[in-house]
C-alpha atoms as a PDB file:
ATOM      1  CA  UNK A   1      98.811 167.521 124.177  1.00  0.00           C
ATOM      2  CA  UNK A   2      98.914 164.384 122.228  1.00  0.00           C
ATOM      3  CA  UNK A   3      95.879 163.887 120.679  1.00  0.00           C
ATOM      4  CA  UNK A   4      94.645 160.273 122.298  1.00  0.00           C
ATOM      5  CA  UNK A   5      94.225 157.349 119.984  1.00  0.00           C
ATOM      6  CA  UNK A   6      93.083 153.663 119.944  1.00  0.00           C
ATOM      7  CA  UNK A   7      92.417 150.656 117.815  1.00  0.00           C
ATOM      8  CA  UNK A   8      89.481 150.047 116.959  1.00  0.00           C
ATOM      9  CA  UNK A   9      87.534 147.606 119.074  1.00  0.00           C
ATOM     10  CA  UNK A  10      88.310 144.074 118.220  1.00  0.00           C
ATOM     11  CA  UNK A  11      85.108 142.172 116.318  1.00  0.00           C
ATOM     12  CA  UNK A  12      85.146 139.156 117.670  1.00  0.00           C
ATOM     13  CA  UNK A  13      81.665 138.482 116.562  1.00  0.00           C
ATOM     14  CA  UNK A  14      83.137 138.396 112.968  1.00  0.00           C
ATOM     15  CA  UNK A  15      85.839 135.778 113.740  1.00  0.00           C
ATOM     16  CA  UNK A  16      83.448 133.475 115.736  1.00  0.00           C
ATOM     17  CA  UNK A  17      81.618 132.946 112.863  1.00  0.00           C
ATOM     18  CA  UNK A  18      84.604 131.817 110.586  1.00  0.00           C
ATOM     19  CA  UNK A  19      86.151 129.859 113.676  1.00  0.00           C
ATOM     20  CA  UNK A  20      85.130 126.337 112.690  1.00  0.00           C
ATOM     21  CA  UNK A  21      86.930 126.885 109.047  1.00  0.00           C
ATOM     22  CA  UNK A  22      90.032 128.649 110.591  1.00  0.00           C
ATOM     23  CA  UNK A  23      90.496 126.127 113.385  1.00  0.00           C
ATOM     24  CA  UNK A  24      90.331 123.482 111.120  1.00  0.00           C
ATOM     25  CA  UNK A  25      92.479 125.202 107.851  1.00  0.00           C
ATOM     26  CA  UNK A  26      95.371 125.680 111.076  1.00  0.00           C
ATOM     27  CA  UNK A  27      94.838 121.805 111.941  1.00  0.00           C
ATOM     28  CA  UNK A  28      95.132 120.590 108.021  1.00  0.00           C
ATOM     29  CA  UNK A  29      98.283 123.079 107.335  1.00  0.00           C
ATOM     30  CA  UNK A  30     100.022 121.584 110.785  1.00  0.00           C
ATOM     31  CA  UNK A  31      99.083 117.975 109.309  1.00  0.00           C
ATOM     32  CA  UNK A  32     100.620 118.828 105.338  1.00  0.00           C
ATOM     33  CA  UNK A  33     103.200 120.073 107.059  1.00  0.00           C
ATOM     34  CA  UNK A  34     104.055 116.638 108.496  1.00  0.00           C
ATOM     35  CA  UNK A  35     104.897 115.592 104.776  1.00  0.00           C
ATOM     36  CA  UNK A  36     106.662 118.576 103.762  1.00  0.00           C
ATOM     37  CA  UNK A  37     110.122 117.746 102.379  1.00  0.00           C
ATOM     38  CA  UNK A  38     112.941 120.000 100.712  1.00  0.00           C
ATOM     39  CA  UNK A  39     113.002 119.198  97.269  1.00  0.00           C
ATOM     40  CA  UNK A  40     116.202 119.788  95.598  1.00  0.00           C
ATOM     41  CA  UNK A  41     115.815 121.137  92.152  1.00  0.00           C
ATOM     42  CA  UNK A  42     112.128 121.788  92.837  1.00  0.00           C
ATOM     43  CA  UNK A  43     112.240 124.672  95.258  1.00  0.00           C
ATOM     44  CA  UNK A  44     108.320 125.340  94.759  1.00  0.00           C
ATOM     45  CA  UNK A  45     106.970 122.201  95.164  1.00  0.00           C
ATOM     46  CA  UNK A  46     106.044 122.441  98.883  1.00  0.00           C
ATOM     47  CA  UNK A  47     104.571 126.022  98.151  1.00  0.00           C
ATOM     48  CA  UNK A  48     102.570 124.236  95.469  1.00  0.00           C
ATOM     49  CA  UNK A  49     101.350 121.418  97.885  1.00  0.00           C
ATOM     50  CA  UNK A  50     100.860 123.054 100.992  1.00  0.00           C
ATOM     51  CA  UNK A  51      98.308 125.521  98.849  1.00  0.00           C
ATOM     52  CA  UNK A  52      97.535 123.022  96.390  1.00  0.00           C
ATOM     53  CA  UNK A  53      96.152 120.722  99.083  1.00  0.00           C
ATOM     54  CA  UNK A  54      94.154 122.992 101.207  1.00  0.00           C
ATOM     55  CA  UNK A  55      92.923 124.168  97.921  1.00  0.00           C
ATOM     56  CA  UNK A  56      91.425 120.613  97.190  1.00  0.00           C
ATOM     57  CA  UNK A  57      90.053 120.205 100.458  1.00  0.00           C
ATOM     58  CA  UNK A  58      88.190 123.343 100.545  1.00  0.00           C
ATOM     59  CA  UNK A  59      86.924 122.922  97.423  1.00  0.00           C
ATOM     60  CA  UNK A  60      85.881 119.038  98.549  1.00  0.00           C
ATOM     61  CA  UNK A  61      84.461 120.725 101.640  1.00  0.00           C
ATOM     62  CA  UNK A  62      82.326 123.238  99.576  1.00  0.00           C
ATOM     63  CA  UNK A  63      81.435 120.742  97.088  1.00  0.00           C
ATOM     64  CA  UNK A  64      80.048 117.971  99.725  1.00  0.00           C
ATOM     65  CA  UNK A  65      77.796 121.523 101.529  1.00  0.00           C
ATOM     66  CA  UNK A  66      76.743 121.848  98.077  1.00  0.00           C
ATOM     67  CA  UNK A  67      75.168 118.179  96.973  1.00  0.00           C
ATOM     68  CA  UNK A  68      74.272 118.089 101.173  1.00  0.00           C
ATOM     69  CA  UNK A  69      72.321 120.842 101.105  1.00  0.00           C
ATOM     70  CA  UNK A  70      70.417 120.309  97.321  1.00  0.00           C
ATOM     71  CA  UNK A  71      70.080 116.828  98.556  1.00  0.00           C
ATOM     72  CA  UNK A  72      67.835 118.336 102.105  1.00  0.00           C
ATOM     73  CA  UNK A  73      66.757 121.273 100.477  1.00  0.00           C
ATOM     74  CA  UNK A  74      65.395 120.421  97.085  1.00  0.00           C
ATOM     75  CA  UNK A  75      67.463 123.568  96.003  1.00  0.00           C
ATOM     76  CA  UNK A  76      68.985 123.595  92.734  1.00  0.00           C
ATOM     77  CA  UNK A  77      73.205 123.577  93.242  1.00  0.00           C
ATOM     78  CA  UNK A  78      74.237 125.910  90.868  1.00  0.00           C
ATOM     79  CA  UNK A  79      72.221 128.982  92.468  1.00  0.00           C
ATOM     80  CA  UNK A  80      74.431 132.254  93.370  1.00  0.00           C
ATOM     81  CA  UNK A  81      72.712 131.887  97.130  1.00  0.00           C
ATOM     82  CA  UNK A  82      73.693 127.623  97.342  1.00  0.00           C
ATOM     83  CA  UNK A  83      77.198 128.021  96.009  1.00  0.00           C
ATOM     84  CA  UNK A  84      77.384 131.375  98.523  1.00  0.00           C
ATOM     85  CA  UNK A  85      76.412 129.119 101.195  1.00  0.00           C
ATOM     86  CA  UNK A  86      78.868 126.201 100.062  1.00  0.00           C
ATOM     87  CA  UNK A  87      81.501 128.471 100.350  1.00  0.00           C
ATOM     88  CA  UNK A  88      80.901 130.200 103.682  1.00  0.00           C
ATOM     89  CA  UNK A  89      82.117 127.574 105.401  1.00  0.00           C
ATOM     90  CA  UNK A  90      85.415 126.825 102.926  1.00  0.00           C
ATOM     91  CA  UNK A  91      86.828 130.140 102.194  1.00  0.00           C
ATOM     92  CA  UNK A  92      88.609 130.028 105.731  1.00  0.00           C
ATOM     93  CA  UNK A  93      89.945 126.983 105.430  1.00  0.00           C
ATOM     94  CA  UNK A  94      91.789 128.004 102.473  1.00  0.00           C
ATOM     95  CA  UNK A  95      92.403 131.428 104.168  1.00  0.00           C
ATOM     96  CA  UNK A  96      94.359 129.868 107.361  1.00  0.00           C
ATOM     97  CA  UNK A  97      97.261 128.649 104.658  1.00  0.00           C
ATOM     98  CA  UNK A  98      97.808 131.371 103.068  1.00  0.00           C
ATOM     99  CA  UNK A  99     100.609 132.627 105.550  1.00  0.00           C
ATOM    100  CA  UNK A 100     102.140 129.266 105.654  1.00  0.00           C
ATOM    101  CA  UNK A 101     102.055 128.974 101.859  1.00  0.00           C
ATOM    102  CA  UNK A 102     103.760 132.756 101.706  1.00  0.00           C
ATOM    103  CA  UNK A 103     106.598 131.371 103.847  1.00  0.00           C
ATOM    104  CA  UNK A 104     106.925 128.216 101.685  1.00  0.00           C
ATOM    105  CA  UNK A 105     107.361 130.648  98.365  1.00  0.00           C
ATOM    106  CA  UNK A 106     109.611 133.004 100.041  1.00  0.00           C
ATOM    107  CA  UNK A 107     111.953 129.963 100.899  1.00  0.00           C
ATOM    108  CA  UNK A 108     111.344 128.901  97.333  1.00  0.00           C
ATOM    109  CA  UNK A 109     113.153 132.844  96.417  1.00  0.00           C
ATOM    110  CA  UNK A 110     115.518 131.983  99.340  1.00  0.00           C
ATOM    111  CA  UNK A 111     114.725 134.543 101.655  1.00  0.00           C
ATOM    112  CA  UNK A 112     114.323 132.056 104.162  1.00  0.00           C
ATOM    113  CA  UNK A 113     115.142 128.595 104.521  1.00  0.00           C
ATOM    114  CA  UNK A 114     112.439 125.790 104.353  1.00  0.00           C
ATOM    115  CA  UNK A 115     112.824 124.793 108.131  1.00  0.00           C
ATOM    116  CA  UNK A 116     112.548 128.433 109.085  1.00  0.00           C
ATOM    117  CA  UNK A 117     109.188 128.583 106.654  1.00  0.00           C
ATOM    118  CA  UNK A 118     108.050 125.205 108.437  1.00  0.00           C
ATOM    119  CA  UNK A 119     108.973 126.200 111.701  1.00  0.00           C
ATOM    120  CA  UNK A 120     107.145 129.779 110.860  1.00  0.00           C
ATOM    121  CA  UNK A 121     104.239 128.370 110.114  1.00  0.00           C
ATOM    122  CA  UNK A 122     103.382 126.329 112.611  1.00  0.00           C
ATOM    123  CA  UNK A 123     104.010 128.921 115.436  1.00  0.00           C
ATOM    124  CA  UNK A 124     101.209 130.576 113.305  1.00  0.00           C
ATOM    125  CA  UNK A 125      99.167 127.402 113.530  1.00  0.00           C
ATOM    126  CA  UNK A 126      99.330 127.082 116.977  1.00  0.00           C
ATOM    127  CA  UNK A 127      98.511 130.697 117.555  1.00  0.00           C
ATOM    128  CA  UNK A 128      95.620 130.361 116.034  1.00  0.00           C
ATOM    129  CA  UNK A 129      94.662 127.341 118.073  1.00  0.00           C
ATOM    130  CA  UNK A 130      95.607 129.413 120.994  1.00  0.00           C
ATOM    131  CA  UNK A 131      93.778 132.408 120.247  1.00  0.00           C
ATOM    132  CA  UNK A 132      90.403 130.383 119.740  1.00  0.00           C
ATOM    133  CA  UNK A 133      90.794 128.408 122.852  1.00  0.00           C
ATOM    134  CA  UNK A 134      91.335 131.316 124.732  1.00  0.00           C
ATOM    135  CA  UNK A 135      88.391 132.976 123.339  1.00  0.00           C
ATOM    136  CA  UNK A 136      86.187 130.096 123.856  1.00  0.00           C
ATOM    137  CA  UNK A 137      86.836 129.541 127.450  1.00  0.00           C
ATOM    138  CA  UNK A 138      86.451 133.250 127.940  1.00  0.00           C
ATOM    139  CA  UNK A 139      82.707 132.988 126.357  1.00  0.00           C
ATOM    140  CA  UNK A 140      82.385 129.915 128.783  1.00  0.00           C
ATOM    141  CA  UNK A 141      83.327 131.565 131.293  1.00  0.00           C
ATOM    142  CA  UNK A 142      84.664 135.143 132.090  1.00  0.00           C
ATOM    143  CA  UNK A 143      87.348 134.265 134.802  1.00  0.00           C
ATOM    144  CA  UNK A 144      90.969 133.212 133.859  1.00  0.00           C
ATOM    145  CA  UNK A 145      90.570 129.676 134.421  1.00  0.00           C
ATOM    146  CA  UNK A 146      88.812 129.025 131.518  1.00  0.00           C
ATOM    147  CA  UNK A 147      90.598 130.900 128.847  1.00  0.00           C
ATOM    148  CA  UNK A 148      93.996 129.359 130.327  1.00  0.00           C
ATOM    149  CA  UNK A 149      92.705 125.450 129.931  1.00  0.00           C
ATOM    150  CA  UNK A 150      91.253 126.233 126.611  1.00  0.00           C
ATOM    151  CA  UNK A 151      94.398 127.366 125.470  1.00  0.00           C
ATOM    152  CA  UNK A 152      96.212 124.638 126.457  1.00  0.00           C
ATOM    153  CA  UNK A 153      94.268 122.611 125.137  1.00  0.00           C
ATOM    154  CA  UNK A 154      93.918 124.270 121.190  1.00  0.00           C
ATOM    155  CA  UNK A 155      97.632 124.726 121.646  1.00  0.00           C
ATOM    156  CA  UNK A 156      98.395 121.333 122.745  1.00  0.00           C
ATOM    157  CA  UNK A 157      96.699 119.877 120.123  1.00  0.00           C
ATOM    158  CA  UNK A 158      98.961 121.882 117.480  1.00  0.00           C
ATOM    159  CA  UNK A 159     101.882 121.265 119.656  1.00  0.00           C
ATOM    160  CA  UNK A 160     101.416 117.461 118.987  1.00  0.00           C
ATOM    161  CA  UNK A 161     101.119 117.768 115.202  1.00  0.00           C
ATOM    162  CA  UNK A 162     103.892 120.030 115.075  1.00  0.00           C
ATOM    163  CA  UNK A 163     106.154 117.389 117.118  1.00  0.00           C
ATOM    164  CA  UNK A 164     104.962 114.728 114.964  1.00  0.00           C
ATOM    165  CA  UNK A 165     106.442 116.200 112.324  1.00  0.00           C
ATOM    166  CA  UNK A 166     109.940 115.959 114.037  1.00  0.00           C
ATOM    167  CA  UNK A 167     109.124 112.532 115.124  1.00  0.00           C
ATOM    168  CA  UNK A 168     108.055 111.121 112.079  1.00  0.00           C
ATOM    169  CA  UNK A 169     111.651 112.836 109.912  1.00  0.00           C
END
């Protein structure tokens, strides 16, 4: 008799805590992908532009949170607790860009075309939006209608951003 193995239960609460940053990161990546073009002679440039831009925005978000927290609470800025609180909302934004940046890097080495890297990155970001859109629908109402509507709405925003790249270019 085969032993019964099951996957560990998905910890939705852990993902839900990071949802805002992951959703923001996915939309940010989709927005940045609109501007990425092939650079002849500079194959690593798309990966650097994508990751560097998301890093700059994540750091800007952390700095804004750090300074506004200092203004609201009077807490010193360079305390570990203040720095940790400021970075907490920013690291999921950066995390959302890791796979797309890795795909851009892979295209720089010639392992896949830049077009395929962009398309796969767009699909990944749309999938993130669909998953969280469906999840919020499930949390609000446990029937099938709201998760489907949430997935279509959030995924639709991603699809619109992805399509805009092709319209602009």
